[in-house]
Amino acid sequence: MSRKTVYYYHALSSPWAYLGWPQFKALIEKYDLDVVVRPTRIVTENGGVPLRSRPQPRQDYHAVELDRWRKRLGMPLVLKPRYYPTNNEFSARMVIAADRQGLPALELSHALLRALWAEEKDVTDPDVRIAVANSLGLDGRALRALEDTPEIMAAWHDSHAEAQSRGVFGTPTWVYRDTLYWGQDRLTFLDDALSED
């Protein structure tokens, strides 16, 4: 029997990707999923709206929802971390590099998101990313060196183009059998879909 494949589009600045990881990890283990890792950013071409460009009431409500979910999930999260908003491209390219090397890219992704949202670290600082990777037993300096290679740069741009072509607008979004599941609160629906086949 072939493994079920899920595409995972997520921004390396998304608090929802951070909050959703434990549940998604449980699904990976439950179904022995083949996960196609696709770091991206909000796809404005498809109607995605970055937080800081939203009207203030929506920004305020975003913090309310984050507070609810961090309490519900029992996960540490700073509502307004010191280094957010951030440029997530650097972390994304490190994750892509890890994935291309066959390393635990999803664990690295979560660790980088935790550094941003729970530990208030500046993930645009190469030394921070190197330290995060090292903390997982990876060679952070080697991964950092790969971030700027033409192959990884191209993969970063291709990942965003692919997300756009598949109709992704916000992150995190999971795609299973061409159906989109947007937001960590939709993982129960992904679970249902995976259990049906």
N, C-alpha and C. Protein backbone atom coordinates (compact mmCIF):
# COMPACT_ATOMS: atom_id res chain seq x y z
N MET A 1 0.85 -1.21 0.00
CA MET A 1 0.00 0.00 0.00
C MET A 1 0.89 1.25 0.00
N SER A 2 0.57 2.19 -0.87
CA SER A 2 1.37 3.40 -0.95
C SER A 2 1.00 4.35 0.19
N ARG A 3 1.96 5.14 0.59
CA ARG A 3 1.74 6.10 1.67
C ARG A 3 0.91 7.27 1.18
N LYS A 4 0.13 7.83 2.07
CA LYS A 4 -0.67 9.00 1.74
C LYS A 4 0.22 10.24 1.77
N THR A 5 0.03 11.09 0.78
CA THR A 5 0.87 12.28 0.63
C THR A 5 0.10 13.54 0.97
N VAL A 6 0.68 14.35 1.83
CA VAL A 6 0.11 15.64 2.21
C VAL A 6 1.13 16.72 1.89
N TYR A 7 0.69 17.74 1.18
CA TYR A 7 1.54 18.91 0.94
C TYR A 7 1.30 19.91 2.06
N TYR A 8 2.39 20.44 2.58
CA TYR A 8 2.30 21.35 3.73
C TYR A 8 2.90 22.70 3.37
N TYR A 9 2.01 23.68 3.15
CA TYR A 9 2.42 25.04 2.84
C TYR A 9 2.34 25.87 4.11
N HIS A 10 3.46 26.44 4.51
CA HIS A 10 3.43 27.23 5.74
C HIS A 10 4.51 28.30 5.72
N ALA A 11 4.18 29.41 6.34
CA ALA A 11 5.14 30.51 6.47
C ALA A 11 5.93 30.32 7.76
N LEU A 12 7.22 30.60 7.68
CA LEU A 12 8.08 30.48 8.84
C LEU A 12 7.98 31.70 9.74
N SER A 13 6.82 32.34 9.70
CA SER A 13 6.50 33.43 10.63
C SER A 13 5.09 33.25 11.18
N SER A 14 4.44 32.16 10.82
CA SER A 14 3.04 31.96 11.18
C SER A 14 2.87 31.38 12.58
N PRO A 15 2.18 32.09 13.47
CA PRO A 15 1.93 31.53 14.79
C PRO A 15 1.01 30.31 14.72
N TRP A 16 0.18 30.28 13.68
CA TRP A 16 -0.75 29.16 13.53
C TRP A 16 -0.01 27.89 13.10
N ALA A 17 1.04 28.04 12.30
CA ALA A 17 1.87 26.89 11.96
C ALA A 17 2.57 26.37 13.22
N TYR A 18 3.03 27.29 14.05
CA TYR A 18 3.66 26.91 15.32
C TYR A 18 2.67 26.15 16.20
N LEU A 19 1.47 26.71 16.36
CA LEU A 19 0.47 26.09 17.23
C LEU A 19 -0.04 24.77 16.68
N GLY A 20 -0.05 24.63 15.37
CA GLY A 20 -0.61 23.43 14.75
C GLY A 20 0.34 22.25 14.68
N TRP A 21 1.64 22.49 14.90
CA TRP A 21 2.61 21.42 14.70
C TRP A 21 2.36 20.18 15.54
N PRO A 22 2.10 20.25 16.85
CA PRO A 22 1.92 19.00 17.60
C PRO A 22 0.79 18.13 17.03
N GLN A 23 -0.32 18.75 16.64
CA GLN A 23 -1.44 17.98 16.10
C GLN A 23 -1.08 17.40 14.73
N PHE A 24 -0.39 18.19 13.92
CA PHE A 24 0.00 17.68 12.60
C PHE A 24 1.02 16.55 12.75
N LYS A 25 1.95 16.71 13.67
CA LYS A 25 2.93 15.66 13.92
C LYS A 25 2.24 14.36 14.32
N ALA A 26 1.19 14.48 15.12
CA ALA A 26 0.43 13.30 15.52
C ALA A 26 -0.23 12.63 14.32
N LEU A 27 -0.70 13.43 13.36
CA LEU A 27 -1.30 12.87 12.15
C LEU A 27 -0.25 12.18 11.29
N ILE A 28 0.94 12.77 11.22
CA ILE A 28 2.03 12.15 10.46
C ILE A 28 2.31 10.76 11.00
N GLU A 29 2.36 10.67 12.32
CA GLU A 29 2.66 9.39 12.96
C GLU A 29 1.48 8.42 12.85
N LYS A 30 0.28 8.92 12.98
CA LYS A 30 -0.92 8.08 12.92
C LYS A 30 -1.09 7.41 11.56
N TYR A 31 -0.81 8.16 10.50
CA TYR A 31 -1.04 7.65 9.15
C TYR A 31 0.26 7.36 8.38
N ASP A 32 1.40 7.51 9.03
CA ASP A 32 2.69 7.34 8.35
C ASP A 32 2.72 8.17 7.07
N LEU A 33 2.43 9.45 7.21
CA LEU A 33 2.29 10.32 6.05
C LEU A 33 3.61 10.62 5.36
N ASP A 34 3.53 10.76 4.06
CA ASP A 34 4.61 11.31 3.26
C ASP A 34 4.30 12.80 3.15
N VAL A 35 5.10 13.65 3.78
CA VAL A 35 4.83 15.09 3.79
C VAL A 35 5.76 15.80 2.82
N VAL A 36 5.16 16.55 1.91
CA VAL A 36 5.93 17.38 0.99
C VAL A 36 6.03 18.77 1.63
N VAL A 37 7.23 19.12 2.06
CA VAL A 37 7.45 20.35 2.82
C VAL A 37 7.57 21.52 1.86
N ARG A 38 6.68 22.51 2.03
CA ARG A 38 6.66 23.65 1.14
C ARG A 38 6.58 24.97 1.92
N PRO A 39 7.70 25.44 2.45
CA PRO A 39 7.69 26.77 3.07
C PRO A 39 7.30 27.82 2.04
N THR A 40 6.45 28.74 2.44
CA THR A 40 6.01 29.79 1.53
C THR A 40 5.73 31.04 2.35
N ARG A 41 5.01 31.95 1.79
CA ARG A 41 4.57 33.14 2.52
C ARG A 41 3.10 33.33 2.18
N ILE A 42 2.46 34.30 2.81
CA ILE A 42 1.07 34.58 2.47
C ILE A 42 0.98 34.89 0.98
N VAL A 43 0.02 34.27 0.31
CA VAL A 43 -0.09 34.42 -1.14
C VAL A 43 -1.08 35.55 -1.43
N THR A 44 -0.54 36.75 -1.50
CA THR A 44 -1.41 37.93 -1.73
C THR A 44 -2.10 37.86 -3.08
N GLU A 45 -1.47 37.19 -4.04
CA GLU A 45 -2.07 37.06 -5.36
C GLU A 45 -3.40 36.31 -5.32
N ASN A 46 -3.56 35.47 -4.28
CA ASN A 46 -4.79 34.69 -4.13
C ASN A 46 -5.72 35.26 -3.06
N GLY A 47 -5.41 36.45 -2.57
CA GLY A 47 -6.28 37.08 -1.58
C GLY A 47 -5.79 37.02 -0.15
N GLY A 48 -4.60 36.48 0.06
CA GLY A 48 -4.04 36.48 1.42
C GLY A 48 -3.71 37.90 1.85
N VAL A 49 -3.96 38.19 3.13
CA VAL A 49 -3.74 39.55 3.64
C VAL A 49 -2.78 39.48 4.84
N PRO A 50 -1.56 40.01 4.69
CA PRO A 50 -0.63 40.02 5.83
C PRO A 50 -1.22 40.75 7.02
N LEU A 51 -0.90 40.27 8.21
CA LEU A 51 -1.52 40.79 9.44
C LEU A 51 -1.40 42.30 9.56
N ARG A 52 -0.20 42.84 9.35
CA ARG A 52 0.01 44.27 9.60
C ARG A 52 -0.69 45.18 8.58
N SER A 53 -1.20 44.59 7.50
CA SER A 53 -1.93 45.41 6.53
C SER A 53 -3.45 45.30 6.73
N ARG A 54 -3.86 44.55 7.74
CA ARG A 54 -5.29 44.42 8.04
C ARG A 54 -5.75 45.59 8.90
N PRO A 55 -7.05 45.91 8.86
CA PRO A 55 -7.57 46.97 9.74
C PRO A 55 -7.29 46.63 11.20
N GLN A 56 -7.17 47.65 12.03
CA GLN A 56 -6.79 47.44 13.43
C GLN A 56 -7.72 46.49 14.18
N PRO A 57 -9.04 46.56 13.97
CA PRO A 57 -9.90 45.60 14.68
C PRO A 57 -9.55 44.14 14.37
N ARG A 58 -9.16 43.86 13.13
CA ARG A 58 -8.77 42.50 12.78
C ARG A 58 -7.44 42.13 13.43
N GLN A 59 -6.52 43.08 13.51
CA GLN A 59 -5.25 42.81 14.19
C GLN A 59 -5.49 42.55 15.68
N ASP A 60 -6.38 43.32 16.27
CA ASP A 60 -6.70 43.13 17.69
C ASP A 60 -7.32 41.76 17.93
N TYR A 61 -8.22 41.36 17.03
CA TYR A 61 -8.89 40.06 17.19
C TYR A 61 -7.90 38.91 17.00
N HIS A 62 -6.93 39.11 16.14
CA HIS A 62 -5.88 38.11 15.93
C HIS A 62 -5.21 37.77 17.26
N ALA A 63 -4.91 38.79 18.06
CA ALA A 63 -4.28 38.57 19.36
C ALA A 63 -5.22 37.83 20.32
N VAL A 64 -6.51 38.14 20.24
CA VAL A 64 -7.51 37.45 21.07
C VAL A 64 -7.52 35.96 20.74
N GLU A 65 -7.52 35.64 19.45
CA GLU A 65 -7.55 34.24 19.03
C GLU A 65 -6.26 33.51 19.42
N LEU A 66 -5.13 34.19 19.25
CA LEU A 66 -3.88 33.57 19.65
C LEU A 66 -3.87 33.24 21.14
N ASP A 67 -4.40 34.16 21.93
CA ASP A 67 -4.46 33.94 23.38
C ASP A 67 -5.34 32.74 23.70
N ARG A 68 -6.47 32.65 23.02
CA ARG A 68 -7.37 31.50 23.24
C ARG A 68 -6.68 30.18 22.91
N TRP A 69 -6.03 30.16 21.75
CA TRP A 69 -5.44 28.91 21.29
C TRP A 69 -4.21 28.52 22.10
N ARG A 70 -3.38 29.48 22.51
CA ARG A 70 -2.20 29.10 23.29
C ARG A 70 -2.64 28.48 24.62
N LYS A 71 -3.74 29.01 25.18
CA LYS A 71 -4.26 28.45 26.43
C LYS A 71 -4.88 27.08 26.19
N ARG A 72 -5.66 26.96 25.11
CA ARG A 72 -6.31 25.69 24.80
C ARG A 72 -5.28 24.58 24.56
N LEU A 73 -4.20 24.91 23.87
CA LEU A 73 -3.20 23.91 23.50
C LEU A 73 -2.08 23.79 24.54
N GLY A 74 -2.03 24.72 25.49
CA GLY A 74 -0.99 24.67 26.52
C GLY A 74 0.40 24.88 25.95
N MET A 75 0.50 25.80 24.97
CA MET A 75 1.79 26.06 24.34
C MET A 75 2.25 27.48 24.65
N PRO A 76 3.53 27.65 24.97
CA PRO A 76 4.04 29.00 25.22
C PRO A 76 4.02 29.83 23.95
N LEU A 77 3.53 31.05 24.04
CA LEU A 77 3.49 31.94 22.88
C LEU A 77 3.37 33.37 23.38
N VAL A 78 4.21 34.25 22.86
CA VAL A 78 4.15 35.67 23.19
C VAL A 78 3.25 36.35 22.17
N LEU A 79 2.23 37.05 22.64
CA LEU A 79 1.23 37.60 21.71
C LEU A 79 1.83 38.62 20.74
N LYS A 80 2.77 39.41 21.22
CA LYS A 80 3.43 40.38 20.35
C LYS A 80 4.94 40.24 20.54
N PRO A 81 5.52 39.22 19.92
CA PRO A 81 6.95 38.98 20.13
C PRO A 81 7.81 40.12 19.61
N ARG A 82 8.96 40.27 20.22
CA ARG A 82 9.85 41.40 19.95
C ARG A 82 10.24 41.50 18.48
N TYR A 83 10.41 40.36 17.80
CA TYR A 83 10.93 40.40 16.43
C TYR A 83 9.87 40.02 15.39
N TYR A 84 8.62 40.32 15.68
CA TYR A 84 7.54 40.08 14.72
C TYR A 84 6.84 41.40 14.44
N PRO A 85 6.53 41.71 13.17
CA PRO A 85 6.70 40.88 11.98
C PRO A 85 8.16 40.73 11.59
N THR A 86 8.41 39.67 10.81
CA THR A 86 9.77 39.36 10.41
C THR A 86 9.80 38.94 8.95
N ASN A 87 10.98 38.90 8.40
CA ASN A 87 11.16 38.35 7.06
C ASN A 87 11.40 36.85 7.23
N ASN A 88 10.43 36.04 6.81
CA ASN A 88 10.53 34.60 7.07
C ASN A 88 11.35 33.85 6.03
N GLU A 89 11.85 34.55 5.02
CA GLU A 89 12.54 33.87 3.91
C GLU A 89 13.79 33.13 4.37
N PHE A 90 14.53 33.70 5.32
CA PHE A 90 15.78 33.08 5.74
C PHE A 90 15.52 31.74 6.43
N SER A 91 14.56 31.72 7.35
CA SER A 91 14.20 30.46 8.00
C SER A 91 13.66 29.46 6.99
N ALA A 92 12.85 29.96 6.05
CA ALA A 92 12.26 29.08 5.04
C ALA A 92 13.35 28.40 4.21
N ARG A 93 14.36 29.18 3.82
CA ARG A 93 15.42 28.59 3.00
C ARG A 93 16.25 27.60 3.80
N MET A 94 16.41 27.82 5.10
CA MET A 94 17.12 26.84 5.92
C MET A 94 16.32 25.53 6.00
N VAL A 95 15.01 25.66 6.14
CA VAL A 95 14.15 24.48 6.21
C VAL A 95 14.18 23.72 4.87
N ILE A 96 14.14 24.46 3.77
CA ILE A 96 14.22 23.82 2.46
C ILE A 96 15.55 23.09 2.32
N ALA A 97 16.63 23.73 2.76
CA ALA A 97 17.95 23.11 2.69
C ALA A 97 17.98 21.81 3.50
N ALA A 98 17.40 21.84 4.69
CA ALA A 98 17.35 20.63 5.52
C ALA A 98 16.55 19.54 4.83
N ASP A 99 15.44 19.92 4.24
CA ASP A 99 14.59 18.95 3.54
C ASP A 99 15.34 18.32 2.38
N ARG A 100 16.07 19.14 1.63
CA ARG A 100 16.83 18.62 0.48
C ARG A 100 17.94 17.68 0.92
N GLN A 101 18.40 17.84 2.16
CA GLN A 101 19.46 16.98 2.70
C GLN A 101 18.91 15.72 3.37
N GLY A 102 17.58 15.59 3.38
CA GLY A 102 16.96 14.44 4.03
C GLY A 102 16.96 14.53 5.54
N LEU A 103 17.09 15.74 6.05
CA LEU A 103 17.11 15.97 7.50
C LEU A 103 15.70 16.29 7.99
N PRO A 104 15.46 16.27 9.31
CA PRO A 104 14.12 16.52 9.86
C PRO A 104 13.69 17.98 9.71
N ALA A 105 13.28 18.33 8.51
CA ALA A 105 12.94 19.71 8.18
C ALA A 105 11.75 20.23 8.98
N LEU A 106 10.77 19.37 9.24
CA LEU A 106 9.59 19.82 9.98
C LEU A 106 9.92 20.11 11.44
N GLU A 107 10.80 19.33 12.02
CA GLU A 107 11.25 19.60 13.39
C GLU A 107 12.01 20.92 13.44
N LEU A 108 12.82 21.17 12.42
CA LEU A 108 13.55 22.43 12.34
C LEU A 108 12.59 23.59 12.17
N SER A 109 11.59 23.40 11.33
CA SER A 109 10.58 24.44 11.12
C SER A 109 9.92 24.83 12.43
N HIS A 110 9.50 23.82 13.20
CA HIS A 110 8.83 24.11 14.46
C HIS A 110 9.78 24.80 15.44
N ALA A 111 11.03 24.37 15.46
CA ALA A 111 12.00 24.98 16.37
C ALA A 111 12.25 26.45 16.03
N LEU A 112 12.29 26.76 14.73
CA LEU A 112 12.47 28.16 14.31
C LEU A 112 11.24 28.99 14.65
N LEU A 113 10.06 28.41 14.48
CA LEU A 113 8.83 29.12 14.85
C LEU A 113 8.75 29.33 16.36
N ARG A 114 9.17 28.32 17.12
CA ARG A 114 9.19 28.46 18.58
C ARG A 114 10.16 29.55 19.00
N ALA A 115 11.31 29.62 18.32
CA ALA A 115 12.29 30.66 18.64
C ALA A 115 11.68 32.04 18.44
N LEU A 116 10.90 32.20 17.39
CA LEU A 116 10.27 33.49 17.10
C LEU A 116 9.13 33.79 18.06
N TRP A 117 8.22 32.84 18.25
CA TRP A 117 6.96 33.10 18.96
C TRP A 117 6.98 32.83 20.46
N ALA A 118 7.87 31.97 20.90
CA ALA A 118 7.91 31.64 22.33
C ALA A 118 9.16 32.17 23.02
N GLU A 119 10.26 32.25 22.25
CA GLU A 119 11.54 32.64 22.86
C GLU A 119 11.96 34.06 22.47
N GLU A 120 11.17 34.71 21.61
CA GLU A 120 11.42 36.09 21.16
C GLU A 120 12.84 36.28 20.63
N LYS A 121 13.23 35.39 19.74
CA LYS A 121 14.54 35.50 19.11
C LYS A 121 14.39 36.04 17.69
N ASP A 122 15.43 36.69 17.22
CA ASP A 122 15.43 37.27 15.89
C ASP A 122 15.92 36.23 14.89
N VAL A 123 14.97 35.56 14.23
CA VAL A 123 15.34 34.47 13.32
C VAL A 123 15.95 34.97 12.02
N THR A 124 15.99 36.29 11.80
CA THR A 124 16.71 36.80 10.64
C THR A 124 18.22 36.86 10.91
N ASP A 125 18.60 36.68 12.15
CA ASP A 125 20.02 36.65 12.53
C ASP A 125 20.57 35.25 12.24
N PRO A 126 21.57 35.14 11.36
CA PRO A 126 22.10 33.82 11.02
C PRO A 126 22.56 33.02 12.23
N ASP A 127 23.14 33.70 13.21
CA ASP A 127 23.62 32.98 14.40
C ASP A 127 22.47 32.35 15.18
N VAL A 128 21.31 33.00 15.18
CA VAL A 128 20.14 32.43 15.85
C VAL A 128 19.69 31.16 15.12
N ARG A 129 19.61 31.23 13.80
CA ARG A 129 19.19 30.05 13.04
C ARG A 129 20.18 28.89 13.19
N ILE A 130 21.45 29.23 13.17
CA ILE A 130 22.48 28.20 13.35
C ILE A 130 22.32 27.53 14.71
N ALA A 131 22.09 28.33 15.74
CA ALA A 131 21.94 27.79 17.10
C ALA A 131 20.70 26.91 17.21
N VAL A 132 19.62 27.34 16.57
CA VAL A 132 18.38 26.54 16.59
C VAL A 132 18.63 25.19 15.93
N ALA A 133 19.26 25.21 14.77
CA ALA A 133 19.55 23.96 14.07
C ALA A 133 20.48 23.08 14.89
N ASN A 134 21.50 23.68 15.48
CA ASN A 134 22.44 22.93 16.31
C ASN A 134 21.74 22.26 17.49
N SER A 135 20.73 22.95 18.05
CA SER A 135 20.01 22.41 19.21
C SER A 135 19.27 21.12 18.88
N LEU A 136 19.05 20.88 17.58
CA LEU A 136 18.39 19.65 17.14
C LEU A 136 19.40 18.58 16.72
N GLY A 137 20.67 18.89 16.90
CA GLY A 137 21.71 17.96 16.50
C GLY A 137 22.08 18.06 15.03
N LEU A 138 21.64 19.14 14.38
CA LEU A 138 21.97 19.36 12.98
C LEU A 138 23.20 20.25 12.87
N ASP A 139 23.78 20.30 11.70
CA ASP A 139 24.93 21.16 11.45
C ASP A 139 24.39 22.51 10.97
N GLY A 140 24.16 23.40 11.92
CA GLY A 140 23.55 24.68 11.60
C GLY A 140 24.37 25.52 10.63
N ARG A 141 25.68 25.48 10.79
CA ARG A 141 26.53 26.28 9.92
C ARG A 141 26.47 25.78 8.48
N ALA A 142 26.42 24.47 8.31
CA ALA A 142 26.32 23.90 6.96
C ALA A 142 24.98 24.25 6.31
N LEU A 143 23.91 24.19 7.10
CA LEU A 143 22.59 24.54 6.57
C LEU A 143 22.53 26.02 6.22
N ARG A 144 23.13 26.84 7.07
CA ARG A 144 23.16 28.28 6.79
C ARG A 144 23.89 28.54 5.46
N ALA A 145 24.95 27.83 5.22
CA ALA A 145 25.72 28.02 3.98
C ALA A 145 24.90 27.64 2.75
N LEU A 146 23.99 26.67 2.91
CA LEU A 146 23.17 26.23 1.78
C LEU A 146 22.05 27.21 1.45
N GLU A 147 21.66 28.03 2.42
CA GLU A 147 20.51 28.93 2.23
C GLU A 147 20.64 29.81 0.99
N ASP A 148 21.85 30.25 0.69
CA ASP A 148 22.06 31.22 -0.39
C ASP A 148 22.46 30.58 -1.71
N THR A 149 22.46 29.26 -1.78
CA THR A 149 22.85 28.61 -3.03
C THR A 149 21.73 28.78 -4.07
N PRO A 150 22.09 28.80 -5.35
CA PRO A 150 21.07 28.96 -6.40
C PRO A 150 19.95 27.92 -6.32
N GLU A 151 20.30 26.68 -5.97
CA GLU A 151 19.31 25.61 -5.89
C GLU A 151 18.24 25.91 -4.83
N ILE A 152 18.70 26.34 -3.66
CA ILE A 152 17.76 26.61 -2.57
C ILE A 152 16.97 27.88 -2.83
N MET A 153 17.61 28.88 -3.39
CA MET A 153 16.89 30.11 -3.75
C MET A 153 15.79 29.81 -4.75
N ALA A 154 16.11 28.99 -5.74
CA ALA A 154 15.11 28.61 -6.75
C ALA A 154 13.98 27.82 -6.12
N ALA A 155 14.32 26.91 -5.21
CA ALA A 155 13.29 26.10 -4.55
C ALA A 155 12.34 26.97 -3.73
N TRP A 156 12.87 28.01 -3.09
CA TRP A 156 12.04 28.94 -2.33
C TRP A 156 11.02 29.63 -3.25
N HIS A 157 11.49 30.12 -4.38
CA HIS A 157 10.59 30.79 -5.32
C HIS A 157 9.60 29.80 -5.94
N ASP A 158 10.07 28.60 -6.23
CA ASP A 158 9.19 27.57 -6.80
C ASP A 158 8.09 27.18 -5.82
N SER A 159 8.44 27.13 -4.54
CA SER A 159 7.47 26.76 -3.51
C SER A 159 6.32 27.77 -3.47
N HIS A 160 6.67 29.05 -3.55
CA HIS A 160 5.63 30.08 -3.53
C HIS A 160 4.79 30.01 -4.80
N ALA A 161 5.43 29.81 -5.94
CA ALA A 161 4.69 29.71 -7.20
C ALA A 161 3.75 28.52 -7.18
N GLU A 162 4.20 27.42 -6.61
CA GLU A 162 3.36 26.22 -6.51
C GLU A 162 2.16 26.49 -5.60
N ALA A 163 2.41 27.16 -4.47
CA ALA A 163 1.31 27.50 -3.56
C ALA A 163 0.28 28.35 -4.28
N GLN A 164 0.75 29.33 -5.03
CA GLN A 164 -0.16 30.20 -5.78
C GLN A 164 -0.98 29.40 -6.78
N SER A 165 -0.33 28.49 -7.49
CA SER A 165 -1.04 27.72 -8.52
C SER A 165 -2.06 26.77 -7.94
N ARG A 166 -1.86 26.36 -6.68
CA ARG A 166 -2.78 25.41 -6.05
C ARG A 166 -3.91 26.10 -5.27
N GLY A 167 -3.91 27.43 -5.31
CA GLY A 167 -5.00 28.16 -4.66
C GLY A 167 -4.77 28.49 -3.21
N VAL A 168 -3.55 28.27 -2.72
CA VAL A 168 -3.24 28.62 -1.33
C VAL A 168 -3.23 30.14 -1.20
N PHE A 169 -3.78 30.64 -0.10
CA PHE A 169 -3.75 32.08 0.16
C PHE A 169 -3.17 32.41 1.52
N GLY A 170 -3.48 31.59 2.52
CA GLY A 170 -2.97 31.80 3.86
C GLY A 170 -2.22 30.57 4.35
N THR A 171 -1.51 30.73 5.47
CA THR A 171 -0.77 29.59 6.00
C THR A 171 -1.06 29.43 7.49
N PRO A 172 -0.99 28.21 7.97
CA PRO A 172 -0.63 27.00 7.25
C PRO A 172 -1.81 26.44 6.44
N THR A 173 -1.47 25.83 5.32
CA THR A 173 -2.46 25.13 4.49
C THR A 173 -1.92 23.74 4.17
N TRP A 174 -2.74 22.75 4.39
CA TRP A 174 -2.42 21.38 4.02
C TRP A 174 -3.24 21.01 2.79
N VAL A 175 -2.65 20.29 1.86
CA VAL A 175 -3.36 19.85 0.67
C VAL A 175 -3.28 18.33 0.60
N TYR A 176 -4.46 17.72 0.59
CA TYR A 176 -4.54 16.26 0.46
C TYR A 176 -5.56 15.93 -0.61
N ARG A 177 -5.14 15.19 -1.61
CA ARG A 177 -5.98 14.85 -2.76
C ARG A 177 -6.64 16.09 -3.36
N ASP A 178 -5.83 17.12 -3.53
CA ASP A 178 -6.25 18.38 -4.16
C ASP A 178 -7.29 19.17 -3.37
N THR A 179 -7.50 18.81 -2.12
CA THR A 179 -8.40 19.56 -1.24
C THR A 179 -7.57 20.35 -0.25
N LEU A 180 -7.90 21.64 -0.07
CA LEU A 180 -7.16 22.51 0.84
C LEU A 180 -7.78 22.49 2.24
N TYR A 181 -6.90 22.50 3.22
CA TYR A 181 -7.29 22.63 4.63
C TYR A 181 -6.48 23.78 5.20
N TRP A 182 -7.12 24.93 5.35
CA TRP A 182 -6.41 26.15 5.76
C TRP A 182 -6.61 26.40 7.25
N GLY A 183 -5.51 26.52 7.97
CA GLY A 183 -5.57 26.87 9.38
C GLY A 183 -5.45 25.65 10.27
N GLN A 184 -4.74 25.80 11.39
CA GLN A 184 -4.52 24.67 12.27
C GLN A 184 -5.79 24.13 12.89
N ASP A 185 -6.86 24.94 12.91
CA ASP A 185 -8.13 24.46 13.44
C ASP A 185 -8.88 23.59 12.44
N ARG A 186 -8.30 23.37 11.25
CA ARG A 186 -8.93 22.48 10.25
C ARG A 186 -8.26 21.10 10.22
N LEU A 187 -7.31 20.88 11.11
CA LEU A 187 -6.61 19.60 11.09
C LEU A 187 -7.52 18.43 11.43
N THR A 188 -8.59 18.69 12.17
CA THR A 188 -9.54 17.60 12.44
C THR A 188 -10.22 17.15 11.15
N PHE A 189 -10.45 18.09 10.23
CA PHE A 189 -11.05 17.73 8.94
C PHE A 189 -10.05 16.95 8.09
N LEU A 190 -8.78 17.32 8.16
CA LEU A 190 -7.76 16.56 7.47
C LEU A 190 -7.68 15.14 8.03
N ASP A 191 -7.76 15.03 9.32
CA ASP A 191 -7.79 13.72 9.97
C ASP A 191 -8.95 12.87 9.44
N ASP A 192 -10.12 13.48 9.35
CA ASP A 192 -11.30 12.77 8.82
C ASP A 192 -11.04 12.26 7.41
N ALA A 193 -10.49 13.14 6.57
CA ALA A 193 -10.24 12.78 5.17
C ALA A 193 -9.23 11.64 5.07
N LEU A 194 -8.18 11.71 5.88
CA LEU A 194 -7.17 10.66 5.85
C LEU A 194 -7.71 9.32 6.31
N SER A 195 -8.66 9.37 7.24
CA SER A 195 -9.22 8.12 7.78
C SER A 195 -10.20 7.44 6.83
N GLU A 196 -10.64 8.21 5.83
CA GLU A 196 -11.67 7.68 4.92
C GLU A 196 -11.11 6.76 3.86
N ASP A 197 -9.80 6.91 3.50
CA ASP A 197 -9.30 6.00 2.48
C ASP A 197 -8.35 4.98 3.06
